[in-house]
Protein backbone atom coordinates (compact mmCIF):
# COMPACT_ATOMS: atom_id res chain seq x y z
CA MET A 1 6.50 179.59 346.13
CA LYS A 2 4.23 182.64 346.08
CA ILE A 3 4.34 184.52 349.40
CA ALA A 4 2.17 187.37 350.70
CA TYR A 5 3.59 189.37 353.60
CA ILE A 6 1.61 191.27 356.25
CA SER A 7 3.27 193.59 358.76
CA GLY A 8 3.30 197.19 359.92
CA VAL A 9 6.02 197.31 362.56
CA GLU A 10 9.79 197.33 362.91
CA PHE A 11 10.03 193.61 363.77
CA GLY A 12 8.26 192.66 360.55
CA PHE A 13 10.27 195.17 358.51
CA LYS A 14 13.58 193.72 359.70
CA LEU A 15 12.43 190.16 358.95
CA LEU A 16 11.25 191.16 355.49
CA GLU A 17 14.66 192.73 354.80
CA GLU A 18 16.28 189.44 355.76
CA ILE A 19 13.89 187.43 353.58
CA LEU A 20 14.66 189.58 350.55
CA LYS A 21 18.43 189.55 351.18
CA ASN A 22 18.23 185.75 351.07
CA ASN A 23 16.52 185.86 347.66
CA PHE A 24 13.09 184.62 348.63
CA GLN A 25 10.36 186.03 346.43
CA ILE A 26 7.58 188.11 347.98
CA SER A 27 4.58 188.69 345.73
CA ILE A 28 2.87 191.40 347.75
CA VAL A 29 3.23 193.30 351.02
CA PHE A 30 0.33 194.62 353.08
CA SER A 31 1.19 197.24 355.69
CA TYR A 32 -0.63 199.83 357.79
CA VAL A 33 -1.88 203.11 356.38
CA ASP A 34 0.38 206.01 357.38
CA SER A 35 -2.08 207.29 359.99
CA LYS A 36 -1.39 204.18 362.09
CA LYS A 37 2.02 205.60 363.05
CA ASP A 38 0.16 207.64 365.68
CA ILE A 39 -1.22 204.41 367.18
CA TYR A 40 1.65 201.92 367.00
CA SER A 41 4.87 203.12 368.60
CA ASP A 42 6.93 200.61 366.57
CA TYR A 43 5.19 201.52 363.31
CA MET A 44 7.41 201.23 360.23
CA SER A 45 6.94 202.42 356.66
CA PHE A 46 7.53 199.70 354.05
CA ASP A 47 7.47 202.14 351.11
CA LYS A 48 11.21 202.35 350.34
CA LEU A 49 11.89 198.65 350.91
CA CYS A 50 9.09 197.55 348.59
CA LYS A 51 10.17 200.07 345.97
CA LYS A 52 13.78 198.85 346.18
CA TYR A 53 12.73 195.26 345.47
CA ASN A 54 9.87 196.20 343.12
CA ILE A 55 7.22 194.52 345.29
CA ARG A 56 3.58 195.46 345.07
CA HIS A 57 2.66 197.26 348.30
CA ILE A 58 -0.83 197.95 349.63
CA LYS A 59 -1.50 200.01 352.74
CA VAL A 60 -4.64 199.03 354.59
CA GLN A 61 -6.75 200.20 357.48
CA ASN A 62 -8.01 196.67 358.11
CA ILE A 63 -6.67 193.57 356.40
CA ASN A 64 -10.12 191.94 356.65
CA GLU A 65 -11.84 194.52 354.42
CA LYS A 66 -13.62 192.94 351.44
CA GLU A 67 -11.30 194.41 348.82
CA ASN A 68 -8.22 193.03 350.60
CA VAL A 69 -9.72 189.57 350.93
CA LYS A 70 -10.72 189.67 347.27
CA PHE A 71 -7.23 190.73 346.24
CA LEU A 72 -5.60 187.95 348.26
CA LYS A 73 -7.90 185.43 346.61
CA THR A 74 -6.92 186.79 343.20
CA ILE A 75 -3.21 186.46 343.98
CA SER A 76 -3.77 183.02 345.55
CA PRO A 77 -0.51 182.93 347.56
CA ASP A 78 0.94 179.59 348.61
CA LEU A 79 1.93 181.04 351.99
CA ILE A 80 1.05 184.14 354.00
CA LEU A 81 3.46 185.49 356.61
CA VAL A 82 2.07 187.73 359.35
CA MET A 83 4.97 189.24 361.28
CA GLY A 84 3.66 192.01 363.50
CA TRP A 85 -0.05 192.75 363.01
CA SER A 86 -2.63 193.61 365.65
CA GLN A 87 -5.77 192.48 363.82
CA LEU A 88 -7.03 188.89 363.96
CA LEU A 89 -7.53 187.42 360.49
CA LYS A 90 -10.96 186.30 359.39
CA ASN A 91 -11.46 182.67 358.46
CA GLU A 92 -12.00 183.75 354.85
CA ILE A 93 -8.33 184.81 354.68
CA ILE A 94 -7.07 181.84 356.71
CA GLN A 95 -8.51 179.48 354.09
CA ILE A 96 -6.73 181.11 351.12
CA PRO A 97 -3.06 179.93 351.11
CA LYS A 98 -2.18 176.34 350.25
CA TYR A 99 0.48 176.10 352.96
CA GLY A 100 -1.38 178.18 355.55
CA ILE A 101 -0.59 181.39 357.40
CA ILE A 102 2.40 181.68 359.71
CA GLY A 103 2.38 184.19 362.53
CA SER A 104 4.83 185.08 365.28
CA HIS A 105 4.44 185.63 369.00
CA PRO A 106 7.27 186.68 371.36
CA THR A 107 6.36 184.32 374.17
CA GLU A 108 6.79 180.64 374.89
CA LEU A 109 3.46 179.44 373.51
CA PRO A 110 1.22 178.02 374.79
CA LYS A 111 2.17 179.34 378.25
CA PHE A 112 1.35 182.99 377.57
CA ARG A 113 -1.06 184.26 374.93
CA GLY A 114 -2.57 187.63 374.19
CA ARG A 115 -1.47 191.24 373.87
CA ALA A 116 1.60 193.32 374.81
CA PRO A 117 3.84 190.26 375.28
CA ILE A 118 7.12 192.14 375.73
CA PRO A 119 5.88 194.57 378.42
CA TRP A 120 4.08 191.77 380.25
CA THR A 121 7.18 189.57 380.11
CA ILE A 122 9.08 192.27 382.03
CA LEU A 123 6.23 193.11 384.41
CA LYS A 124 5.83 189.42 385.26
CA ASN A 125 9.57 189.29 385.98
CA LEU A 126 10.14 186.29 383.72
CA LYS A 127 13.71 185.01 383.45
CA GLU A 128 13.19 183.31 380.10
CA SER A 129 10.98 183.79 377.09
CA ALA A 130 10.83 182.67 373.45
CA LEU A 131 9.92 183.64 369.93
CA THR A 132 7.34 181.29 368.49
CA PHE A 133 6.30 180.79 364.86
CA PHE A 134 2.91 179.13 364.56
CA TYR A 135 0.02 178.54 362.21
CA ILE A 136 -2.66 181.21 362.45
CA GLU A 137 -6.03 179.55 362.86
CA ASN A 138 -9.39 180.55 364.29
CA GLY A 139 -8.62 181.62 367.85
CA VAL A 140 -5.85 183.57 369.55
CA ASP A 141 -2.27 182.28 369.41
CA ASN A 142 -3.50 178.68 369.47
CA GLY A 143 -2.33 177.19 366.17
CA ASP A 144 0.25 174.45 365.68
CA ILE A 145 3.83 175.51 366.37
CA ILE A 146 6.45 175.21 363.62
CA ASP A 147 9.41 176.69 365.49
CA GLN A 148 10.25 178.12 368.90
CA GLN A 149 13.54 179.61 370.07
CA LYS A 150 14.02 180.42 373.76
CA PHE A 151 16.18 183.23 375.08
CA GLU A 152 17.35 184.46 378.47
CA ILE A 153 16.05 187.66 380.03
CA LYS A 154 18.72 189.34 382.09
CA GLU A 155 18.00 191.27 385.26
CA TYR A 156 18.06 194.74 383.71
CA ASP A 157 16.81 193.96 380.20
CA ASP A 158 14.24 196.49 379.06
CA ALA A 159 11.70 196.47 376.23
CA THR A 160 14.25 197.85 373.74
CA ILE A 161 16.77 195.11 374.50
CA ILE A 162 14.17 192.33 374.34
CA TYR A 163 12.66 193.72 371.12
CA ASN A 164 16.11 193.71 369.50
CA LYS A 165 16.80 190.18 370.77
CA ILE A 166 13.58 189.04 369.14
CA ILE A 167 14.48 190.71 365.84
CA GLY A 168 17.86 188.95 365.83
CA ILE A 169 16.31 185.57 366.60
CA GLY A 170 13.45 186.14 364.16
CA LYS A 171 15.77 186.90 361.22
CA LYS A 172 17.45 183.52 361.64
CA MET A 173 14.19 181.66 362.21
CA ILE A 174 12.39 183.08 359.18
CA VAL A 175 15.15 182.11 356.74
CA LYS A 176 15.46 178.63 358.24
CA ASN A 177 11.74 177.97 358.07
CA LEU A 178 11.20 179.34 354.56
CA LYS A 179 13.84 176.88 353.40
CA LEU A 180 11.90 174.12 355.13
CA PHE A 181 8.70 175.21 353.38
CA GLU A 182 10.49 175.05 350.04
CA THR A 183 11.45 171.44 350.67
CA ASN A 184 8.10 170.57 352.25
CA SER A 185 9.94 169.70 355.50
CA ILE A 186 8.00 171.78 358.02
CA ASN A 187 7.00 170.03 361.24
CA ARG A 188 3.75 170.91 363.01
CA ILE A 189 3.56 170.55 366.78
CA LYS A 190 0.14 170.80 368.36
CA GLN A 191 0.05 173.16 371.34
CA ASN A 192 -0.30 171.38 374.67
CA GLU A 193 -3.21 173.16 376.33
CA SER A 194 -2.25 171.78 379.74
CA LYS A 195 0.78 174.11 379.64
CA PHE A 196 -1.31 177.26 379.16
CA ILE A 197 -0.83 179.65 382.10
CA GLU A 198 -2.61 182.92 381.32
CA TYR A 199 -3.92 185.32 378.70
CA TRP A 200 -2.34 188.79 378.71
CA GLU A 201 -4.61 191.79 378.21
CA LYS A 202 -3.95 194.81 376.00
CA ARG A 203 -1.92 197.64 377.52
CA THR A 204 -2.28 201.32 376.64
CA SER A 205 -0.11 204.37 377.25
CA LYS A 206 -2.18 205.09 380.39
CA ASP A 207 -0.80 201.91 381.96
CA GLY A 208 2.62 203.55 382.08
CA LYS A 209 1.64 205.98 384.85
CA ILE A 210 4.00 205.72 387.82
CA ASN A 211 2.71 205.43 391.36
CA TRP A 212 5.56 206.71 393.52
CA ASN A 213 3.90 205.05 396.53
CA ASP A 214 5.01 201.75 395.03
CA ASN A 215 8.48 200.34 395.75
CA SER A 216 11.46 201.12 393.54
CA GLU A 217 11.73 197.58 392.10
CA ASN A 218 8.18 197.65 390.75
CA ILE A 219 8.57 201.18 389.38
CA PHE A 220 11.87 200.24 387.74
CA ARG A 221 10.17 197.23 386.17
CA LEU A 222 7.38 199.45 384.81
CA ILE A 223 9.92 201.87 383.31
CA ARG A 224 11.80 199.00 381.62
CA ALA A 225 8.54 197.50 380.32
CA SER A 226 7.28 200.81 378.91
CA THR A 227 10.39 202.18 377.20
CA HIS A 228 11.04 202.19 373.43
CA PRO A 229 9.51 201.01 371.23
CA TYR A 230 6.60 201.72 373.59
CA PRO A 231 5.36 205.14 374.78
CA GLY A 232 7.34 205.27 378.04
CA ALA A 233 6.43 205.30 381.73
CA PHE A 234 5.40 208.74 382.96
CA THR A 235 4.79 211.05 385.86
CA PHE A 236 3.93 214.77 386.04
CA TYR A 237 6.24 217.73 386.55
CA ASN A 238 4.77 221.25 386.73
CA LYS A 239 1.51 219.84 385.33
CA LYS A 240 3.30 218.48 382.26
CA LYS A 241 3.76 214.81 381.45
CA LEU A 242 7.32 213.70 382.09
CA LYS A 243 8.13 210.51 380.18
CA ILE A 244 10.85 208.29 381.60
CA PHE A 245 12.70 206.01 379.20
CA LYS A 246 15.67 204.91 381.24
CA ALA A 247 16.36 204.67 384.96
CA ARG A 248 18.05 202.67 387.70
CA CYS A 249 16.90 201.73 391.17
CA MET A 250 18.49 201.58 394.62
CA ASN A 251 16.90 199.55 397.39
CA ASN A 252 19.11 200.64 400.28
CA MET A 253 17.67 204.16 400.68
CA ASN A 254 14.22 205.50 401.56
CA SER A 255 12.56 208.87 401.18
CA ASP A 256 9.20 210.53 400.61
CA PRO A 257 7.47 208.99 397.56
CA GLY A 258 7.90 211.15 394.46
CA LYS A 259 10.31 213.59 396.13
CA ILE A 260 13.13 215.03 394.00
CA LEU A 261 16.12 214.33 396.25
CA SER A 262 19.21 215.29 394.29
CA ILE A 263 20.74 215.58 390.84
CA ASN A 264 24.27 214.77 389.73
CA SER A 265 26.10 213.23 386.80
CA ASN A 266 24.35 209.90 387.46
CA GLY A 267 20.86 211.35 387.07
CA VAL A 268 17.95 212.62 389.15
CA PHE A 269 17.21 210.77 392.40
CA ILE A 270 13.49 210.30 393.19
CA GLY A 271 12.07 208.81 396.38
CA THR A 272 9.59 205.92 396.47
CA LYS A 273 7.78 204.03 399.21
CA LYS A 274 10.81 201.75 399.43
CA GLY A 275 14.04 202.60 397.63
CA ILE A 276 15.16 205.24 395.14
CA ILE A 277 14.66 205.64 391.39
CA ILE A 278 17.43 207.38 389.43
CA LEU A 279 16.15 209.01 386.23
CA GLU A 280 18.63 208.82 383.35
CA SER A 281 16.61 209.51 380.18
CA VAL A 282 13.45 211.58 380.22
CA GLN A 283 11.37 213.76 377.94
CA LEU A 284 9.05 216.54 379.06
CA GLU A 285 5.78 217.06 377.24
CA ASN A 286 6.23 219.23 374.11
CA ASP A 287 10.04 219.01 374.33
CA LEU A 288 11.67 217.33 371.33
CA GLU A 289 15.04 216.71 372.95
CA LYS A 290 15.31 213.91 375.50
CA ASN A 291 17.21 214.69 378.70
CA ALA A 292 16.93 218.44 378.09
CA THR A 293 14.74 218.72 381.18
CA LEU A 294 16.95 216.82 383.62
CA ILE A 295 19.00 219.87 384.56
CA PHE A 296 15.87 221.94 385.21
CA LEU A 297 14.76 219.48 387.85
CA LYS A 298 17.66 220.79 389.92
CA ASN A 299 15.64 223.94 390.57
CA ASP A 300 12.95 221.89 392.27
CA LEU A 301 14.88 219.81 394.79
CA GLY A 302 12.49 218.69 397.49
CA LYS A 303 9.47 219.00 395.23
CA ILE A 304 7.06 216.08 394.98
CA LEU A 305 6.29 214.78 391.49
CA SER A 306 2.56 214.42 390.83
CA PHE A 307 1.09 210.92 390.75
């Protein structure tokens, strides 16, 4: 079976590693051009992996460009796997492979479709989600499902934890389903449109700005949703952006919103409209070392962070 692989992010890289370790043959890999690393926070280079397994590797700005479509037609893959790619595929590509194109989406399709699924999952305070493999067709996340594995979201899970859960689940799912393709045993389940709940919009780094007038639970949720592999929630300290990657919240205390209350071995305590946020991992603009700025906040006890 001739397989073409399309991905530009860590999730897709880890799945490709697993595919190759299990001796499936990949004919070609398309990934993002290097400049995309400034756009996608979970960008991954596929150079070394493709070189190790002697796989032809093409870096593209847009997979739908004429030369890429032409090349895919020349290769004529039996199956195309798209495991972490932001661009919708044109119908001209969808029609190429004999067995179709399989994509992935880290939600329980068809309930939630659209962009930024991991951050939205946290912001919506979901207790359960899923990784779904489905056929890519014309439309957004609406093709027939071939596999779906649910997983629990614990109270303090952040984007990093959920991302890693999805990688672990995805590695098992991809091997299982490629074996089913080899034996022509794949099942297709049409999505039940009556179960669709909502479409999630794209999020940008600007959406991570903290409003200290909000309550601590909502701010804590935003911090967890925005942490690695995403750009991080942020506030401003001495006119510089202060990114916050890890924190905790306390609901039994109140103070002035944004006020630096105290600092100790547990972190920096910041007031909100209701409750306290404890900063544990931060990075100040232009500083390379995370947490290097925490101690300096001690000099500004009582100061209000900008928001």
